Amino acid sequence: MTGMYWGAIVGLVIGVADFFAMRLLANRVELPETKTALRLAAIVNLALFPVVGAFVGGLMVGE
């Protein structure tokens, strides 16, 4: 597997962990605007971390 794949996998693992942490935090917050912002940020992070991880993995390996 290339560095881009490893970076994407690591980014996905971090993104999933961050997704569940932010959703848990959103359930504990009382303001509805904050809940919406945290849930939206969790979804964006879940999509963004694997992409950034793939780029970083590729740069670290030199591909």
PDB file of N, CA and C in Angstrom:
ATOM      1  N   MET A   1       0.843  -1.186   0.000  1.00  0.00           N
ATOM      2  CA  MET A   1       0.000   0.000   0.000  1.00  0.00           C
ATOM      3  C   MET A   1       0.880   1.237   0.000  1.00  0.00           C
ATOM      4  N   THR A   2       0.435   2.227  -0.690  1.00  0.00           N
ATOM      5  CA  THR A   2       1.211   3.449  -0.798  1.00  0.00           C
ATOM      6  C   THR A   2       0.945   4.363   0.389  1.00  0.00           C
ATOM      7  N   GLY A   3       1.728   5.410   0.450  1.00  0.00           N
ATOM      8  CA  GLY A   3       1.581   6.372   1.545  1.00  0.00           C
ATOM      9  C   GLY A   3       0.249   7.094   1.528  1.00  0.00           C
ATOM     10  N   MET A   4      -0.277   7.298   0.335  1.00  0.00           N
ATOM     11  CA  MET A   4      -1.579   7.975   0.257  1.00  0.00           C
ATOM     12  C   MET A   4      -2.673   7.113   0.869  1.00  0.00           C
ATOM     13  N   TYR A   5      -2.621   5.812   0.632  1.00  0.00           N
ATOM     14  CA  TYR A   5      -3.631   4.925   1.218  1.00  0.00           C
ATOM     15  C   TYR A   5      -3.502   4.878   2.734  1.00  0.00           C
ATOM     16  N   TRP A   6      -2.263   4.769   3.222  1.00  0.00           N
ATOM     17  CA  TRP A   6      -2.065   4.744   4.674  1.00  0.00           C
ATOM     18  C   TRP A   6      -2.532   6.049   5.309  1.00  0.00           C
ATOM     19  N   GLY A   7      -2.238   7.164   4.662  1.00  0.00           N
ATOM     20  CA  GLY A   7      -2.690   8.449   5.187  1.00  0.00           C
ATOM     21  C   GLY A   7      -4.198   8.561   5.196  1.00  0.00           C
ATOM     22  N   ALA A   8      -4.844   8.039   4.163  1.00  0.00           N
ATOM     23  CA  ALA A   8      -6.308   8.076   4.106  1.00  0.00           C
ATOM     24  C   ALA A   8      -6.914   7.193   5.186  1.00  0.00           C
ATOM     25  N   ILE A   9      -6.317   6.034   5.432  1.00  0.00           N
ATOM     26  CA  ILE A   9      -6.826   5.143   6.476  1.00  0.00           C
ATOM     27  C   ILE A   9      -6.672   5.769   7.850  1.00  0.00           C
ATOM     28  N   VAL A  10      -5.496   6.340   8.114  1.00  0.00           N
ATOM     29  CA  VAL A  10      -5.275   7.004   9.407  1.00  0.00           C
ATOM     30  C   VAL A  10      -6.214   8.197   9.552  1.00  0.00           C
ATOM     31  N   GLY A  11      -6.403   8.965   8.484  1.00  0.00           N
ATOM     32  CA  GLY A  11      -7.335  10.087   8.514  1.00  0.00           C
ATOM     33  C   GLY A  11      -8.769   9.647   8.760  1.00  0.00           C
ATOM     34  N   LEU A  12      -9.146   8.511   8.192  1.00  0.00           N
ATOM     35  CA  LEU A  12     -10.493   7.988   8.409  1.00  0.00           C
ATOM     36  C   LEU A  12     -10.690   7.566   9.860  1.00  0.00           C
ATOM     37  N   VAL A  13      -9.680   6.909  10.431  1.00  0.00           N
ATOM     38  CA  VAL A  13      -9.779   6.489  11.837  1.00  0.00           C
ATOM     39  C   VAL A  13      -9.903   7.706  12.747  1.00  0.00           C
ATOM     40  N   ILE A  14      -9.087   8.713  12.499  1.00  0.00           N
ATOM     41  CA  ILE A  14      -9.156   9.940  13.307  1.00  0.00           C
ATOM     42  C   ILE A  14     -10.488  10.654  13.073  1.00  0.00           C
ATOM     43  N   GLY A  15     -10.948  10.671  11.826  1.00  0.00           N
ATOM     44  CA  GLY A  15     -12.221  11.307  11.513  1.00  0.00           C
ATOM     45  C   GLY A  15     -13.403  10.633  12.188  1.00  0.00           C
ATOM     46  N   VAL A  16     -13.404   9.310  12.235  1.00  0.00           N
ATOM     47  CA  VAL A  16     -14.495   8.584  12.896  1.00  0.00           C
ATOM     48  C   VAL A  16     -14.471   8.843  14.399  1.00  0.00           C
ATOM     49  N   ALA A  17     -13.277   8.811  14.992  1.00  0.00           N
ATOM     50  CA  ALA A  17     -13.168   9.091  16.430  1.00  0.00           C
ATOM     51  C   ALA A  17     -13.634  10.515  16.735  1.00  0.00           C
ATOM     52  N   ASP A  18     -13.233  11.462  15.901  1.00  0.00           N
ATOM     53  CA  ASP A  18     -13.638  12.853  16.092  1.00  0.00           C
ATOM     54  C   ASP A  18     -15.146  13.011  15.876  1.00  0.00           C
ATOM     55  N   PHE A  19     -15.702  12.273  14.911  1.00  0.00           N
ATOM     56  CA  PHE A  19     -17.141  12.325  14.652  1.00  0.00           C
ATOM     57  C   PHE A  19     -17.930  11.915  15.892  1.00  0.00           C
ATOM     58  N   PHE A  20     -17.547  10.781  16.493  1.00  0.00           N
ATOM     59  CA  PHE A  20     -18.274  10.320  17.669  1.00  0.00           C
ATOM     60  C   PHE A  20     -18.065  11.236  18.864  1.00  0.00           C
ATOM     61  N   ALA A  21     -16.869  11.806  19.002  1.00  0.00           N
ATOM     62  CA  ALA A  21     -16.610  12.724  20.116  1.00  0.00           C
ATOM     63  C   ALA A  21     -17.439  14.004  19.971  1.00  0.00           C
ATOM     64  N   MET A  22     -17.517  14.533  18.760  1.00  0.00           N
ATOM     65  CA  MET A  22     -18.294  15.757  18.559  1.00  0.00           C
ATOM     66  C   MET A  22     -19.790  15.508  18.677  1.00  0.00           C
ATOM     67  N   ARG A  23     -20.253  14.339  18.252  1.00  0.00           N
ATOM     68  CA  ARG A  23     -21.677  14.019  18.419  1.00  0.00           C
ATOM     69  C   ARG A  23     -22.021  13.854  19.896  1.00  0.00           C
ATOM     70  N   LEU A  24     -21.119  13.256  20.651  1.00  0.00           N
ATOM     71  CA  LEU A  24     -21.331  13.122  22.089  1.00  0.00           C
ATOM     72  C   LEU A  24     -21.371  14.491  22.756  1.00  0.00           C
ATOM     73  N   LEU A  25     -20.479  15.365  22.335  1.00  0.00           N
ATOM     74  CA  LEU A  25     -20.472  16.726  22.873  1.00  0.00           C
ATOM     75  C   LEU A  25     -21.742  17.477  22.472  1.00  0.00           C
ATOM     76  N   ALA A  26     -22.206  17.270  21.255  1.00  0.00           N
ATOM     77  CA  ALA A  26     -23.429  17.944  20.799  1.00  0.00           C
ATOM     78  C   ALA A  26     -24.641  17.507  21.608  1.00  0.00           C
ATOM     79  N   ASN A  27     -24.646  16.268  22.066  1.00  0.00           N
ATOM     80  CA  ASN A  27     -25.771  15.805  22.879  1.00  0.00           C
ATOM     81  C   ASN A  27     -25.766  16.416  24.274  1.00  0.00           C
ATOM     82  N   ARG A  28     -24.613  16.896  24.732  1.00  0.00           N
ATOM     83  CA  ARG A  28     -24.518  17.454  26.076  1.00  0.00           C
ATOM     84  C   ARG A  28     -24.759  18.961  26.115  1.00  0.00           C
ATOM     85  N   VAL A  29     -24.725  19.609  24.963  1.00  0.00           N
ATOM     86  CA  VAL A  29     -24.896  21.060  24.882  1.00  0.00           C
ATOM     87  C   VAL A  29     -26.381  21.388  24.876  1.00  0.00           C
ATOM     88  N   GLU A  30     -26.731  22.521  25.459  1.00  0.00           N
ATOM     89  CA  GLU A  30     -28.148  22.893  25.570  1.00  0.00           C
ATOM     90  C   GLU A  30     -28.651  23.775  24.434  1.00  0.00           C
ATOM     91  N   LEU A  31     -27.817  24.633  23.883  1.00  0.00           N
ATOM     92  CA  LEU A  31     -28.275  25.549  22.841  1.00  0.00           C
ATOM     93  C   LEU A  31     -28.452  24.824  21.508  1.00  0.00           C
ATOM     94  N   PRO A  32     -29.580  25.005  20.846  1.00  0.00           N
ATOM     95  CA  PRO A  32     -29.810  24.294  19.580  1.00  0.00           C
ATOM     96  C   PRO A  32     -28.865  24.738  18.460  1.00  0.00           C
ATOM     97  N   GLU A  33     -28.464  26.012  18.465  1.00  0.00           N
ATOM     98  CA  GLU A  33     -27.537  26.488  17.436  1.00  0.00           C
ATOM     99  C   GLU A  33     -26.176  25.813  17.578  1.00  0.00           C
ATOM    100  N   THR A  34     -25.752  25.635  18.814  1.00  0.00           N
ATOM    101  CA  THR A  34     -24.471  24.980  19.065  1.00  0.00           C
ATOM    102  C   THR A  34     -24.541  23.507  18.691  1.00  0.00           C
ATOM    103  N   LYS A  35     -25.660  22.865  18.980  1.00  0.00           N
ATOM    104  CA  LYS A  35     -25.837  21.468  18.584  1.00  0.00           C
ATOM    105  C   LYS A  35     -25.738  21.317  17.073  1.00  0.00           C
ATOM    106  N   THR A  36     -26.401  22.215  16.350  1.00  0.00           N
ATOM    107  CA  THR A  36     -26.371  22.158  14.893  1.00  0.00           C
ATOM    108  C   THR A  36     -24.960  22.385  14.368  1.00  0.00           C
ATOM    109  N   ALA A  37     -24.253  23.341  14.926  1.00  0.00           N
ATOM    110  CA  ALA A  37     -22.892  23.629  14.483  1.00  0.00           C
ATOM    111  C   ALA A  37     -21.957  22.460  14.760  1.00  0.00           C
ATOM    112  N   LEU A  38     -22.090  21.836  15.915  1.00  0.00           N
ATOM    113  CA  LEU A  38     -21.229  20.697  16.243  1.00  0.00           C
ATOM    114  C   LEU A  38     -21.539  19.493  15.352  1.00  0.00           C
ATOM    115  N   ARG A  39     -22.788  19.254  15.072  1.00  0.00           N
ATOM    116  CA  ARG A  39     -23.147  18.128  14.206  1.00  0.00           C
ATOM    117  C   ARG A  39     -22.657  18.353  12.776  1.00  0.00           C
ATOM    118  N   LEU A  40     -22.769  19.582  12.289  1.00  0.00           N
ATOM    119  CA  LEU A  40     -22.278  19.896  10.957  1.00  0.00           C
ATOM    120  C   LEU A  40     -20.755  19.785  10.899  1.00  0.00           C
ATOM    121  N   ALA A  41     -20.073  20.275  11.924  1.00  0.00           N
ATOM    122  CA  ALA A  41     -18.619  20.169  11.970  1.00  0.00           C
ATOM    123  C   ALA A  41     -18.168  18.713  12.043  1.00  0.00           C
ATOM    124  N   ALA A  42     -18.916  17.877  12.715  1.00  0.00           N
ATOM    125  CA  ALA A  42     -18.578  16.457  12.798  1.00  0.00           C
ATOM    126  C   ALA A  42     -18.655  15.804  11.422  1.00  0.00           C
ATOM    127  N   ILE A  43     -19.674  16.140  10.647  1.00  0.00           N
ATOM    128  CA  ILE A  43     -19.822  15.570   9.311  1.00  0.00           C
ATOM    129  C   ILE A  43     -18.720  16.076   8.381  1.00  0.00           C
ATOM    130  N   VAL A  44     -18.403  17.353   8.477  1.00  0.00           N
ATOM    131  CA  VAL A  44     -17.343  17.921   7.640  1.00  0.00           C
ATOM    132  C   VAL A  44     -16.002  17.283   7.983  1.00  0.00           C
ATOM    133  N   ASN A  45     -15.717  17.108   9.270  1.00  0.00           N
ATOM    134  CA  ASN A  45     -14.464  16.483   9.665  1.00  0.00           C
ATOM    135  C   ASN A  45     -14.379  15.038   9.197  1.00  0.00           C
ATOM    136  N   LEU A  46     -15.487  14.331   9.223  1.00  0.00           N
ATOM    137  CA  LEU A  46     -15.502  12.943   8.770  1.00  0.00           C
ATOM    138  C   LEU A  46     -15.166  12.856   7.282  1.00  0.00           C
ATOM    139  N   ALA A  47     -15.585  13.819   6.513  1.00  0.00           N
ATOM    140  CA  ALA A  47     -15.281  13.824   5.088  1.00  0.00           C
ATOM    141  C   ALA A  47     -13.900  14.400   4.787  1.00  0.00           C
ATOM    142  N   LEU A  48     -13.438  15.327   5.620  1.00  0.00           N
ATOM    143  CA  LEU A  48     -12.204  16.051   5.325  1.00  0.00           C
ATOM    144  C   LEU A  48     -10.940  15.327   5.786  1.00  0.00           C
ATOM    145  N   PHE A  49     -10.986  14.652   6.920  1.00  0.00           N
ATOM    146  CA  PHE A  49      -9.781  14.019   7.462  1.00  0.00           C
ATOM    147  C   PHE A  49      -9.169  12.965   6.533  1.00  0.00           C
ATOM    148  N   PRO A  50      -9.941  12.083   5.906  1.00  0.00           N
ATOM    149  CA  PRO A  50      -9.302  11.126   4.992  1.00  0.00           C
ATOM    150  C   PRO A  50      -8.635  11.789   3.786  1.00  0.00           C
ATOM    151  N   VAL A  51      -9.221  12.860   3.284  1.00  0.00           N
ATOM    152  CA  VAL A  51      -8.635  13.560   2.135  1.00  0.00           C
ATOM    153  C   VAL A  51      -7.317  14.219   2.531  1.00  0.00           C
ATOM    154  N   VAL A  52      -7.319  14.909   3.657  1.00  0.00           N
ATOM    155  CA  VAL A  52      -6.096  15.545   4.139  1.00  0.00           C
ATOM    156  C   VAL A  52      -5.052  14.488   4.487  1.00  0.00           C
ATOM    157  N   GLY A  53      -5.491  13.379   5.076  1.00  0.00           N
ATOM    158  CA  GLY A  53      -4.568  12.300   5.404  1.00  0.00           C
ATOM    159  C   GLY A  53      -3.916  11.708   4.169  1.00  0.00           C
ATOM    160  N   ALA A  54      -4.674  11.585   3.094  1.00  0.00           N
ATOM    161  CA  ALA A  54      -4.109  11.063   1.851  1.00  0.00           C
ATOM    162  C   ALA A  54      -3.040  12.002   1.305  1.00  0.00           C
ATOM    163  N   PHE A  55      -3.287  13.301   1.343  1.00  0.00           N
ATOM    164  CA  PHE A  55      -2.286  14.253   0.876  1.00  0.00           C
ATOM    165  C   PHE A  55      -1.047  14.237   1.751  1.00  0.00           C
ATOM    166  N   VAL A  56      -1.236  14.215   3.059  1.00  0.00           N
ATOM    167  CA  VAL A  56      -0.104  14.213   3.976  1.00  0.00           C
ATOM    168  C   VAL A  56       0.687  12.915   3.843  1.00  0.00           C
ATOM    169  N   GLY A  57      -0.008  11.795   3.728  1.00  0.00           N
ATOM    170  CA  GLY A  57       0.681  10.517   3.542  1.00  0.00           C
ATOM    171  C   GLY A  57       1.489  10.488   2.263  1.00  0.00           C
ATOM    172  N   GLY A  58       0.938  11.033   1.198  1.00  0.00           N
ATOM    173  CA  GLY A  58       1.669  11.117  -0.058  1.00  0.00           C
ATOM    174  C   GLY A  58       2.885  12.017   0.034  1.00  0.00           C
ATOM    175  N   LEU A  59       2.762  13.122   0.736  1.00  0.00           N
ATOM    176  CA  LEU A  59       3.891  14.022   0.898  1.00  0.00           C
ATOM    177  C   LEU A  59       4.988  13.426   1.769  1.00  0.00           C
ATOM    178  N   MET A  60       4.599  12.688   2.808  1.00  0.00           N
ATOM    179  CA  MET A  60       5.593  12.096   3.681  1.00  0.00           C
ATOM    180  C   MET A  60       6.400  11.000   2.974  1.00  0.00           C
ATOM    181  N   VAL A  61       5.744  10.248   2.114  1.00  0.00           N
ATOM    182  CA  VAL A  61       6.430   9.166   1.416  1.00  0.00           C
ATOM    183  C   VAL A  61       7.159   9.703   0.177  1.00  0.00           C
ATOM    184  N   GLY A  62       6.659  10.789  -0.367  1.00  0.00           N
ATOM    185  CA  GLY A  62       7.297  11.389  -1.524  1.00  0.00           C
ATOM    186  C   GLY A  62       6.678  10.955  -2.844  1.00  0.00           C
ATOM    187  N   GLU A  63       5.424  10.697  -2.833  1.00  0.00           N
ATOM    188  CA  GLU A  63       4.725  10.289  -4.064  1.00  0.00           C
ATOM    189  C   GLU A  63       4.158  11.468  -4.788  1.00  0.00           C
TER     190      GLU A  63
END
